[in-house]
N, C-alpha and C. Protein backbone atom coordinates (compact mmCIF):
# COMPACT_ATOMS: atom_id res chain seq x y z
N MET A 1 10.53 22.44 6.58
CA MET A 1 9.23 22.03 6.11
C MET A 1 9.36 20.80 5.21
N LEU A 2 10.33 20.80 4.30
CA LEU A 2 10.51 19.69 3.37
C LEU A 2 10.85 18.40 4.11
N GLN A 3 11.75 18.49 5.10
CA GLN A 3 12.12 17.29 5.85
C GLN A 3 10.93 16.76 6.64
N ALA A 4 10.13 17.64 7.20
CA ALA A 4 8.93 17.21 7.93
C ALA A 4 7.96 16.53 6.98
N THR A 5 7.81 17.07 5.79
CA THR A 5 6.92 16.46 4.80
C THR A 5 7.40 15.07 4.42
N LEU A 6 8.71 14.93 4.16
CA LEU A 6 9.24 13.60 3.82
C LEU A 6 9.07 12.62 4.97
N ARG A 7 9.28 13.06 6.21
CA ARG A 7 9.09 12.16 7.36
C ARG A 7 7.64 11.72 7.44
N ARG A 8 6.70 12.66 7.29
CA ARG A 8 5.28 12.30 7.34
C ARG A 8 4.93 11.35 6.21
N THR A 9 5.49 11.60 5.03
CA THR A 9 5.22 10.74 3.89
C THR A 9 5.75 9.34 4.12
N ALA A 10 6.99 9.23 4.61
CA ALA A 10 7.57 7.91 4.87
C ALA A 10 6.73 7.15 5.88
N THR A 11 6.29 7.81 6.94
CA THR A 11 5.45 7.16 7.95
C THR A 11 4.14 6.70 7.34
N LEU A 12 3.52 7.57 6.55
CA LEU A 12 2.25 7.23 5.91
C LEU A 12 2.41 6.06 4.96
N VAL A 13 3.45 6.09 4.15
CA VAL A 13 3.66 5.02 3.16
C VAL A 13 3.91 3.69 3.84
N ILE A 14 4.71 3.68 4.89
CA ILE A 14 4.96 2.43 5.60
C ILE A 14 3.67 1.91 6.21
N ALA A 15 2.86 2.79 6.78
CA ALA A 15 1.59 2.37 7.36
C ALA A 15 0.66 1.82 6.28
N LEU A 16 0.59 2.48 5.15
CA LEU A 16 -0.29 2.03 4.08
C LEU A 16 0.21 0.75 3.43
N ALA A 17 1.51 0.57 3.41
CA ALA A 17 2.07 -0.64 2.81
C ALA A 17 1.68 -1.89 3.58
N THR A 18 1.24 -1.72 4.82
CA THR A 18 0.86 -2.88 5.61
C THR A 18 -0.51 -3.43 5.24
N LEU A 19 -1.21 -2.80 4.34
CA LEU A 19 -2.54 -3.31 3.96
C LEU A 19 -2.39 -4.51 3.02
N THR A 20 -2.87 -4.47 1.74
CA THR A 20 -2.68 -5.57 0.76
C THR A 20 -2.57 -5.06 -0.67
N ALA A 21 -3.00 -5.70 -1.87
CA ALA A 21 -2.43 -5.30 -3.17
C ALA A 21 -3.20 -5.36 -4.50
N CYS A 22 -2.68 -4.82 -5.84
CA CYS A 22 -3.40 -4.68 -7.14
C CYS A 22 -2.59 -4.92 -8.41
N ASP A 23 -3.25 -4.81 -9.58
CA ASP A 23 -2.62 -5.13 -10.87
C ASP A 23 -2.11 -3.93 -11.64
N ALA A 24 -1.70 -2.88 -11.02
CA ALA A 24 -1.24 -1.69 -11.73
C ALA A 24 0.28 -1.62 -11.75
N GLU A 25 0.81 -0.88 -12.68
CA GLU A 25 2.25 -0.65 -12.78
C GLU A 25 2.58 0.68 -12.13
N PRO A 26 3.84 0.94 -11.82
CA PRO A 26 4.20 2.21 -11.20
C PRO A 26 3.76 3.39 -12.06
N LEU A 27 3.43 4.50 -11.40
CA LEU A 27 3.03 5.69 -12.12
C LEU A 27 4.23 6.47 -12.62
N ALA A 28 5.41 6.13 -12.18
CA ALA A 28 6.62 6.84 -12.59
C ALA A 28 7.76 5.86 -12.68
N PRO A 29 8.82 6.19 -13.42
CA PRO A 29 9.95 5.27 -13.54
C PRO A 29 10.59 5.00 -12.19
N HIS A 30 11.20 3.85 -12.06
CA HIS A 30 11.87 3.49 -10.81
C HIS A 30 13.19 2.81 -11.13
N ALA A 31 14.06 2.78 -10.15
CA ALA A 31 15.35 2.12 -10.31
C ALA A 31 15.20 0.65 -9.97
N GLU A 32 15.79 -0.24 -10.74
CA GLU A 32 15.74 -1.67 -10.49
C GLU A 32 16.82 -2.05 -9.49
N SER A 33 16.46 -2.93 -8.57
CA SER A 33 17.42 -3.43 -7.60
C SER A 33 16.86 -4.68 -6.97
N PRO A 34 17.70 -5.68 -6.70
CA PRO A 34 17.18 -6.89 -6.08
C PRO A 34 16.80 -6.70 -4.62
N THR A 35 17.39 -5.76 -3.92
CA THR A 35 17.07 -5.61 -2.51
C THR A 35 16.66 -4.21 -2.11
N ARG A 36 17.49 -3.20 -2.31
CA ARG A 36 17.13 -1.87 -1.84
C ARG A 36 17.84 -0.79 -2.65
N VAL A 37 17.06 0.24 -3.05
CA VAL A 37 17.61 1.40 -3.74
C VAL A 37 16.94 2.63 -3.14
N SER A 38 17.70 3.67 -2.88
CA SER A 38 17.13 4.90 -2.37
C SER A 38 17.82 6.07 -3.06
N ALA A 39 17.06 7.04 -3.50
CA ALA A 39 17.66 8.18 -4.18
C ALA A 39 16.85 9.43 -3.90
N VAL A 40 17.53 10.55 -3.74
CA VAL A 40 16.90 11.84 -3.61
C VAL A 40 17.57 12.75 -4.62
N THR A 41 16.74 13.45 -5.42
CA THR A 41 17.27 14.30 -6.47
C THR A 41 16.71 15.70 -6.30
N ALA A 42 17.58 16.72 -6.32
CA ALA A 42 17.12 18.10 -6.23
C ALA A 42 18.02 19.01 -7.05
N PRO A 43 17.96 18.89 -8.40
CA PRO A 43 18.82 19.73 -9.23
C PRO A 43 18.29 21.17 -9.29
N GLY A 44 19.04 22.10 -8.76
CA GLY A 44 18.69 23.52 -8.82
C GLY A 44 17.34 23.81 -8.22
N SER A 45 16.44 24.39 -9.04
CA SER A 45 15.12 24.76 -8.54
C SER A 45 14.05 23.76 -8.95
N ALA A 46 14.47 22.56 -9.39
CA ALA A 46 13.51 21.54 -9.81
C ALA A 46 12.82 20.91 -8.59
N ASN A 47 11.74 20.22 -8.86
CA ASN A 47 11.06 19.50 -7.80
C ASN A 47 12.00 18.45 -7.20
N MET A 48 11.80 18.10 -5.94
CA MET A 48 12.60 17.07 -5.29
C MET A 48 11.94 15.72 -5.55
N ILE A 49 12.72 14.74 -5.99
CA ILE A 49 12.21 13.40 -6.29
C ILE A 49 12.88 12.41 -5.35
N TYR A 50 12.07 11.56 -4.73
CA TYR A 50 12.58 10.55 -3.80
C TYR A 50 12.06 9.20 -4.28
N ARG A 51 12.96 8.22 -4.38
CA ARG A 51 12.58 6.86 -4.75
C ARG A 51 13.14 5.91 -3.70
N ASP A 52 12.38 4.88 -3.40
CA ASP A 52 12.86 3.88 -2.45
C ASP A 52 12.29 2.54 -2.86
N GLU A 53 13.04 1.48 -2.58
CA GLU A 53 12.63 0.13 -2.91
C GLU A 53 13.26 -0.80 -1.87
N ALA A 54 12.47 -1.75 -1.35
CA ALA A 54 13.01 -2.69 -0.37
C ALA A 54 12.15 -3.95 -0.32
N THR A 55 12.75 -5.01 0.20
CA THR A 55 12.06 -6.27 0.48
C THR A 55 12.28 -6.58 1.95
N VAL A 56 11.18 -6.85 2.67
CA VAL A 56 11.26 -7.09 4.11
C VAL A 56 10.33 -8.23 4.51
N PRO A 57 10.64 -8.92 5.63
CA PRO A 57 9.68 -9.91 6.15
C PRO A 57 8.44 -9.17 6.64
N PHE A 58 7.27 -9.82 6.51
CA PHE A 58 6.04 -9.12 6.83
C PHE A 58 4.95 -10.09 7.25
N SER A 59 4.07 -9.66 8.15
CA SER A 59 2.91 -10.45 8.60
C SER A 59 1.68 -9.56 8.66
N PHE A 60 0.51 -10.13 8.40
CA PHE A 60 -0.73 -9.38 8.52
C PHE A 60 -1.88 -10.35 8.77
N VAL A 61 -3.03 -9.79 9.13
CA VAL A 61 -4.25 -10.56 9.39
C VAL A 61 -5.32 -10.06 8.43
N VAL A 62 -6.12 -10.98 7.85
CA VAL A 62 -7.19 -10.58 6.95
C VAL A 62 -8.41 -11.46 7.20
N TYR A 63 -9.60 -10.87 7.14
CA TYR A 63 -10.84 -11.64 7.25
C TYR A 63 -11.28 -12.00 5.83
N VAL A 64 -11.56 -13.29 5.60
CA VAL A 64 -11.99 -13.78 4.29
C VAL A 64 -13.37 -14.39 4.45
N SER A 65 -14.38 -13.76 3.80
CA SER A 65 -15.78 -14.17 4.00
C SER A 65 -16.09 -15.56 3.48
N CYS A 66 -15.34 -16.07 2.50
CA CYS A 66 -15.67 -17.39 1.95
C CYS A 66 -14.69 -18.48 2.40
N ALA A 67 -13.81 -18.19 3.31
CA ALA A 67 -12.92 -19.24 3.87
C ALA A 67 -13.71 -20.08 4.87
N ASN A 68 -13.12 -21.17 5.34
CA ASN A 68 -13.74 -22.04 6.35
C ASN A 68 -15.10 -22.56 5.87
N GLY A 69 -15.12 -23.09 4.65
CA GLY A 69 -16.36 -23.67 4.12
C GLY A 69 -17.45 -22.66 3.89
N GLY A 70 -17.11 -21.40 3.64
CA GLY A 70 -18.10 -20.36 3.39
C GLY A 70 -18.60 -19.67 4.64
N GLN A 71 -18.10 -20.07 5.82
CA GLN A 71 -18.54 -19.44 7.06
C GLN A 71 -17.77 -18.16 7.37
N GLY A 72 -16.65 -17.94 6.68
CA GLY A 72 -15.80 -16.78 6.94
C GLY A 72 -14.80 -17.09 8.03
N GLU A 73 -13.62 -16.51 7.91
CA GLU A 73 -12.57 -16.81 8.87
C GLU A 73 -11.46 -15.76 8.80
N VAL A 74 -10.81 -15.55 9.93
CA VAL A 74 -9.63 -14.70 10.00
C VAL A 74 -8.42 -15.56 9.61
N LEU A 75 -7.59 -15.04 8.70
CA LEU A 75 -6.38 -15.74 8.28
C LEU A 75 -5.16 -14.96 8.75
N TRP A 76 -4.16 -15.67 9.23
CA TRP A 76 -2.89 -15.08 9.66
C TRP A 76 -1.88 -15.36 8.57
N ALA A 77 -1.33 -14.31 7.96
CA ALA A 77 -0.40 -14.46 6.84
C ALA A 77 0.99 -13.97 7.22
N SER A 78 2.01 -14.63 6.68
CA SER A 78 3.39 -14.17 6.86
C SER A 78 4.17 -14.52 5.61
N GLY A 79 5.17 -13.72 5.32
CA GLY A 79 5.98 -13.93 4.12
C GLY A 79 6.89 -12.76 3.86
N GLU A 80 7.05 -12.42 2.58
CA GLU A 80 7.98 -11.39 2.17
C GLU A 80 7.23 -10.27 1.44
N PHE A 81 7.50 -9.03 1.84
CA PHE A 81 6.83 -7.85 1.31
C PHE A 81 7.85 -7.03 0.52
N HIS A 82 7.52 -6.66 -0.71
CA HIS A 82 8.41 -5.84 -1.54
C HIS A 82 7.65 -4.58 -1.95
N TYR A 83 8.28 -3.41 -1.79
CA TYR A 83 7.63 -2.17 -2.20
C TYR A 83 8.58 -1.29 -3.01
N ARG A 84 7.97 -0.47 -3.88
CA ARG A 84 8.67 0.57 -4.63
C ARG A 84 7.84 1.83 -4.48
N ILE A 85 8.49 2.93 -4.12
CA ILE A 85 7.78 4.19 -3.93
C ILE A 85 8.47 5.29 -4.72
N HIS A 86 7.66 6.21 -5.22
CA HIS A 86 8.14 7.36 -5.98
C HIS A 86 7.41 8.58 -5.41
N VAL A 87 8.16 9.54 -4.87
CA VAL A 87 7.57 10.73 -4.24
C VAL A 87 8.12 11.97 -4.93
N ILE A 88 7.26 12.91 -5.25
CA ILE A 88 7.67 14.19 -5.83
C ILE A 88 7.17 15.31 -4.91
N THR A 89 8.09 16.17 -4.49
CA THR A 89 7.74 17.31 -3.64
C THR A 89 8.09 18.58 -4.40
N SER A 90 7.19 19.56 -4.37
CA SER A 90 7.46 20.82 -5.07
C SER A 90 8.64 21.53 -4.42
N THR A 91 9.26 22.43 -5.16
CA THR A 91 10.44 23.14 -4.65
C THR A 91 10.13 23.91 -3.38
N SER A 92 8.91 24.36 -3.22
CA SER A 92 8.54 25.10 -2.01
C SER A 92 8.15 24.16 -0.87
N GLY A 93 8.05 22.86 -1.17
CA GLY A 93 7.67 21.89 -0.14
C GLY A 93 6.20 21.93 0.18
N GLN A 94 5.40 22.62 -0.64
CA GLN A 94 3.98 22.78 -0.34
C GLN A 94 3.10 21.73 -1.01
N ARG A 95 3.61 21.05 -2.01
CA ARG A 95 2.80 20.07 -2.74
C ARG A 95 3.56 18.75 -2.78
N LEU A 96 2.86 17.67 -2.54
CA LEU A 96 3.49 16.36 -2.48
C LEU A 96 2.63 15.36 -3.25
N HIS A 97 3.26 14.62 -4.17
CA HIS A 97 2.58 13.55 -4.91
C HIS A 97 3.38 12.27 -4.68
N TYR A 98 2.69 11.14 -4.52
CA TYR A 98 3.40 9.89 -4.32
C TYR A 98 2.64 8.72 -4.95
N ALA A 99 3.42 7.70 -5.29
CA ALA A 99 2.84 6.46 -5.82
C ALA A 99 3.68 5.31 -5.27
N GLU A 100 3.00 4.23 -4.91
CA GLU A 100 3.69 3.06 -4.38
C GLU A 100 3.10 1.81 -5.00
N VAL A 101 3.96 0.88 -5.39
CA VAL A 101 3.55 -0.44 -5.84
C VAL A 101 4.15 -1.43 -4.87
N ALA A 102 3.33 -2.32 -4.34
CA ALA A 102 3.81 -3.29 -3.35
C ALA A 102 3.28 -4.68 -3.68
N THR A 103 4.08 -5.70 -3.38
CA THR A 103 3.66 -7.09 -3.55
C THR A 103 4.00 -7.87 -2.28
N PHE A 104 3.26 -8.93 -2.05
CA PHE A 104 3.50 -9.81 -0.91
C PHE A 104 3.40 -11.24 -1.42
N THR A 105 4.31 -12.10 -0.97
CA THR A 105 4.27 -13.53 -1.27
C THR A 105 4.50 -14.27 0.02
N GLY A 106 3.63 -15.21 0.34
CA GLY A 106 3.80 -15.97 1.58
C GLY A 106 2.72 -17.01 1.75
N SER A 107 2.42 -17.30 2.99
CA SER A 107 1.39 -18.31 3.31
C SER A 107 0.50 -17.78 4.41
N ALA A 108 -0.69 -18.40 4.53
CA ALA A 108 -1.66 -18.01 5.55
C ALA A 108 -2.31 -19.25 6.13
N VAL A 109 -2.76 -19.12 7.37
CA VAL A 109 -3.43 -20.22 8.06
C VAL A 109 -4.72 -19.70 8.69
N GLY A 110 -5.82 -20.45 8.51
CA GLY A 110 -7.10 -20.08 9.09
C GLY A 110 -7.07 -20.20 10.61
N GLU A 111 -7.58 -19.20 11.29
CA GLU A 111 -7.57 -19.18 12.76
C GLU A 111 -8.40 -20.32 13.37
N GLU A 112 -9.56 -20.62 12.78
CA GLU A 112 -10.42 -21.67 13.32
C GLU A 112 -10.19 -23.02 12.65
N SER A 113 -10.13 -23.04 11.31
CA SER A 113 -10.05 -24.30 10.57
C SER A 113 -8.62 -24.84 10.49
N GLY A 114 -7.63 -23.97 10.57
CA GLY A 114 -6.24 -24.39 10.41
C GLY A 114 -5.88 -24.66 8.95
N GLU A 115 -6.80 -24.35 8.01
CA GLU A 115 -6.52 -24.57 6.59
C GLU A 115 -5.39 -23.66 6.14
N ALA A 116 -4.47 -24.22 5.33
CA ALA A 116 -3.30 -23.48 4.86
C ALA A 116 -3.54 -22.96 3.44
N TYR A 117 -3.04 -21.76 3.17
CA TYR A 117 -3.18 -21.11 1.87
C TYR A 117 -1.83 -20.56 1.41
N ASP A 118 -1.61 -20.52 0.10
CA ASP A 118 -0.51 -19.75 -0.48
C ASP A 118 -1.11 -18.38 -0.79
N VAL A 119 -0.37 -17.31 -0.50
CA VAL A 119 -0.90 -15.95 -0.61
C VAL A 119 -0.01 -15.12 -1.53
N THR A 120 -0.63 -14.38 -2.43
CA THR A 120 0.07 -13.34 -3.20
C THR A 120 -0.81 -12.09 -3.19
N THR A 121 -0.18 -10.93 -3.15
CA THR A 121 -0.93 -9.68 -3.21
C THR A 121 -0.22 -8.71 -4.14
N ARG A 122 -0.97 -7.74 -4.61
CA ARG A 122 -0.41 -6.64 -5.40
C ARG A 122 -1.22 -5.40 -5.05
N GLU A 123 -0.53 -4.28 -4.85
CA GLU A 123 -1.20 -3.07 -4.39
C GLU A 123 -0.65 -1.84 -5.09
N LEU A 124 -1.53 -0.91 -5.40
CA LEU A 124 -1.13 0.40 -5.89
C LEU A 124 -1.74 1.44 -4.97
N THR A 125 -0.92 2.33 -4.46
CA THR A 125 -1.36 3.43 -3.63
C THR A 125 -0.85 4.72 -4.25
N ALA A 126 -1.71 5.71 -4.41
CA ALA A 126 -1.29 7.00 -4.96
C ALA A 126 -2.04 8.10 -4.23
N GLY A 127 -1.38 9.23 -4.05
CA GLY A 127 -2.05 10.32 -3.37
C GLY A 127 -1.30 11.63 -3.51
N ASN A 128 -1.86 12.66 -2.90
CA ASN A 128 -1.23 13.97 -2.90
C ASN A 128 -1.70 14.77 -1.69
N THR A 129 -0.87 15.70 -1.28
CA THR A 129 -1.22 16.63 -0.22
C THR A 129 -0.77 18.02 -0.65
N ALA A 130 -1.42 19.04 -0.13
CA ALA A 130 -1.05 20.43 -0.44
C ALA A 130 -1.06 21.23 0.86
N TYR A 131 0.01 21.99 1.07
CA TYR A 131 0.14 22.87 2.23
C TYR A 131 0.08 24.31 1.76
N GLY A 132 -0.52 25.18 2.56
CA GLY A 132 -0.54 26.60 2.24
C GLY A 132 0.82 27.23 2.54
N THR A 133 0.99 28.47 2.16
CA THR A 133 2.26 29.17 2.41
C THR A 133 2.52 29.34 3.89
N ASP A 134 1.48 29.17 4.71
CA ASP A 134 1.64 29.26 6.17
C ASP A 134 2.11 27.93 6.78
N GLY A 135 2.26 26.89 5.93
CA GLY A 135 2.71 25.59 6.42
C GLY A 135 1.59 24.71 6.95
N ILE A 136 0.36 25.18 6.90
CA ILE A 136 -0.79 24.42 7.39
C ILE A 136 -1.39 23.63 6.23
N LEU A 137 -1.75 22.38 6.50
CA LEU A 137 -2.32 21.51 5.49
C LEU A 137 -3.60 22.09 4.93
N ASP A 138 -3.68 22.18 3.59
CA ASP A 138 -4.90 22.66 2.93
C ASP A 138 -5.77 21.51 2.46
N SER A 139 -5.15 20.48 1.86
CA SER A 139 -5.94 19.36 1.36
C SER A 139 -5.05 18.15 1.13
N GLY A 140 -5.68 17.01 0.97
CA GLY A 140 -4.96 15.78 0.68
C GLY A 140 -5.93 14.67 0.37
N GLU A 141 -5.49 13.72 -0.44
CA GLU A 141 -6.32 12.56 -0.73
C GLU A 141 -5.42 11.40 -1.09
N GLU A 142 -5.98 10.19 -0.98
CA GLU A 142 -5.23 9.00 -1.33
C GLU A 142 -6.20 7.97 -1.88
N GLN A 143 -5.75 7.23 -2.89
CA GLN A 143 -6.54 6.13 -3.43
C GLN A 143 -5.69 4.88 -3.37
N GLN A 144 -6.36 3.76 -3.14
CA GLN A 144 -5.65 2.50 -2.98
C GLN A 144 -6.44 1.38 -3.63
N ARG A 145 -5.73 0.51 -4.35
CA ARG A 145 -6.36 -0.67 -4.96
C ARG A 145 -5.50 -1.87 -4.60
N MET A 146 -6.12 -2.88 -4.02
CA MET A 146 -5.40 -4.06 -3.57
C MET A 146 -6.05 -5.33 -4.10
N LEU A 147 -5.22 -6.28 -4.51
CA LEU A 147 -5.69 -7.59 -4.97
C LEU A 147 -4.98 -8.64 -4.13
N LEU A 148 -5.74 -9.52 -3.50
CA LEU A 148 -5.18 -10.58 -2.67
C LEU A 148 -5.69 -11.91 -3.20
N ASP A 149 -4.77 -12.81 -3.57
CA ASP A 149 -5.13 -14.15 -4.04
C ASP A 149 -4.71 -15.18 -3.00
N LEU A 150 -5.64 -16.05 -2.63
CA LEU A 150 -5.38 -17.14 -1.69
C LEU A 150 -5.66 -18.46 -2.41
N THR A 151 -4.71 -19.37 -2.39
CA THR A 151 -4.91 -20.69 -2.99
C THR A 151 -4.83 -21.73 -1.90
N SER A 152 -5.93 -22.48 -1.70
CA SER A 152 -5.97 -23.50 -0.66
C SER A 152 -4.99 -24.62 -1.00
N ARG A 153 -4.15 -24.97 -0.05
CA ARG A 153 -3.19 -26.07 -0.27
C ARG A 153 -3.91 -27.42 -0.27
N ALA A 154 -5.06 -27.53 0.41
CA ALA A 154 -5.79 -28.79 0.49
C ALA A 154 -6.64 -29.05 -0.76
N THR A 155 -7.34 -28.03 -1.25
CA THR A 155 -8.29 -28.23 -2.34
C THR A 155 -7.86 -27.59 -3.66
N GLY A 156 -6.94 -26.63 -3.63
CA GLY A 156 -6.55 -25.91 -4.83
C GLY A 156 -7.50 -24.78 -5.19
N ALA A 157 -8.58 -24.62 -4.41
CA ALA A 157 -9.55 -23.55 -4.67
C ALA A 157 -8.88 -22.19 -4.48
N VAL A 158 -9.28 -21.22 -5.30
CA VAL A 158 -8.70 -19.88 -5.24
C VAL A 158 -9.75 -18.90 -4.74
N ILE A 159 -9.37 -18.09 -3.78
CA ILE A 159 -10.21 -17.01 -3.26
C ILE A 159 -9.49 -15.72 -3.63
N GLN A 160 -10.25 -14.77 -4.18
CA GLN A 160 -9.65 -13.51 -4.58
C GLN A 160 -10.40 -12.36 -3.90
N LEU A 161 -9.67 -11.50 -3.23
CA LEU A 161 -10.24 -10.30 -2.61
C LEU A 161 -9.73 -9.09 -3.38
N VAL A 162 -10.64 -8.20 -3.74
CA VAL A 162 -10.27 -6.96 -4.40
C VAL A 162 -10.75 -5.83 -3.49
N ARG A 163 -9.85 -4.99 -3.05
CA ARG A 163 -10.21 -3.89 -2.16
C ARG A 163 -9.83 -2.56 -2.81
N VAL A 164 -10.79 -1.65 -2.84
CA VAL A 164 -10.55 -0.33 -3.40
C VAL A 164 -11.02 0.68 -2.37
N GLY A 165 -10.14 1.62 -2.02
CA GLY A 165 -10.49 2.61 -1.01
C GLY A 165 -10.02 3.99 -1.40
N ARG A 166 -10.67 4.99 -0.83
CA ARG A 166 -10.28 6.37 -1.02
C ARG A 166 -10.35 7.07 0.32
N TRP A 167 -9.30 7.82 0.62
CA TRP A 167 -9.23 8.59 1.85
C TRP A 167 -9.03 10.05 1.50
N VAL A 168 -9.60 10.93 2.30
CA VAL A 168 -9.32 12.35 2.16
C VAL A 168 -8.75 12.85 3.48
N GLN A 169 -7.94 13.88 3.41
CA GLN A 169 -7.28 14.40 4.61
C GLN A 169 -8.00 15.67 5.04
N THR A 170 -8.35 15.73 6.32
CA THR A 170 -9.04 16.90 6.86
C THR A 170 -8.02 18.00 7.15
N ALA A 171 -8.51 19.17 7.49
CA ALA A 171 -7.64 20.31 7.79
C ALA A 171 -6.75 20.05 9.00
N THR A 172 -7.13 19.09 9.86
CA THR A 172 -6.30 18.77 11.03
C THR A 172 -5.24 17.74 10.70
N GLY A 173 -5.23 17.26 9.43
CA GLY A 173 -4.23 16.29 9.00
C GLY A 173 -4.68 14.85 9.13
N GLU A 174 -5.87 14.62 9.64
CA GLU A 174 -6.38 13.26 9.84
C GLU A 174 -6.96 12.72 8.53
N PHE A 175 -6.60 11.47 8.18
CA PHE A 175 -7.20 10.82 7.00
C PHE A 175 -8.50 10.17 7.41
N VAL A 176 -9.56 10.41 6.65
CA VAL A 176 -10.85 9.78 6.90
C VAL A 176 -11.28 9.02 5.64
N VAL A 177 -11.99 7.91 5.83
CA VAL A 177 -12.42 7.08 4.71
C VAL A 177 -13.51 7.81 3.93
N ASP A 178 -13.35 7.86 2.62
CA ASP A 178 -14.32 8.50 1.74
C ASP A 178 -14.80 7.48 0.71
N GLY A 179 -15.02 6.27 1.15
CA GLY A 179 -15.49 5.21 0.27
C GLY A 179 -14.57 4.00 0.33
N TRP A 180 -15.16 2.81 0.38
CA TRP A 180 -14.39 1.57 0.48
C TRP A 180 -15.23 0.44 -0.08
N ASP A 181 -14.63 -0.40 -0.90
CA ASP A 181 -15.34 -1.55 -1.47
C ASP A 181 -14.40 -2.74 -1.40
N GLY A 182 -14.90 -3.91 -1.03
CA GLY A 182 -14.02 -5.07 -0.89
C GLY A 182 -14.71 -6.39 -1.16
N PRO A 183 -15.17 -6.64 -2.40
CA PRO A 183 -15.81 -7.92 -2.68
C PRO A 183 -14.83 -9.09 -2.72
N ALA A 184 -15.32 -10.28 -2.40
CA ALA A 184 -14.52 -11.50 -2.45
C ALA A 184 -15.09 -12.40 -3.55
N ARG A 185 -14.20 -13.05 -4.31
CA ARG A 185 -14.61 -14.04 -5.32
C ARG A 185 -14.14 -15.40 -4.83
N CYS A 186 -15.07 -16.29 -4.60
CA CYS A 186 -14.74 -17.60 -4.05
C CYS A 186 -14.68 -18.63 -5.19
N GLY A 187 -13.62 -19.45 -5.19
CA GLY A 187 -13.48 -20.40 -6.28
C GLY A 187 -13.51 -21.83 -5.82
């Protein structure tokens, strides 16, 4: 059960890390490393703690409502993605808490205008899941806050997107959106 939970968590975290980012600090201590650190701790009957940190090449697409002279445009971004994750699983494997801090640094190009941007992001994702003694999911939720800054290389104008979302997990294990907000500040 514990290994299945960690596999599901790793898959979920990697999927969520592909979104974008915020101004929060980690919710728990982490190990410093320039490239990658991974640790699993299970002393006696204590909770199991898993930490991971890595930097990888990354690409994503984002729609920016005030790009392309205010007409809105899809931007294609590529660069380097860095994440730190801290996961705590109860000794019985029935309760899971996690927090992730991720940053992205790179560049983006407008699909229609071809305008180039420097991109930075910061993201905090935190959540929990609970399984019953029968191994069936009882509940789960996740909250995410992302900040994306785009600086036009041509004009120096800054566009900032702030995205805040909340997901809840149904009894079938599916995450459904339970609120999402994403205003853009055009500079």
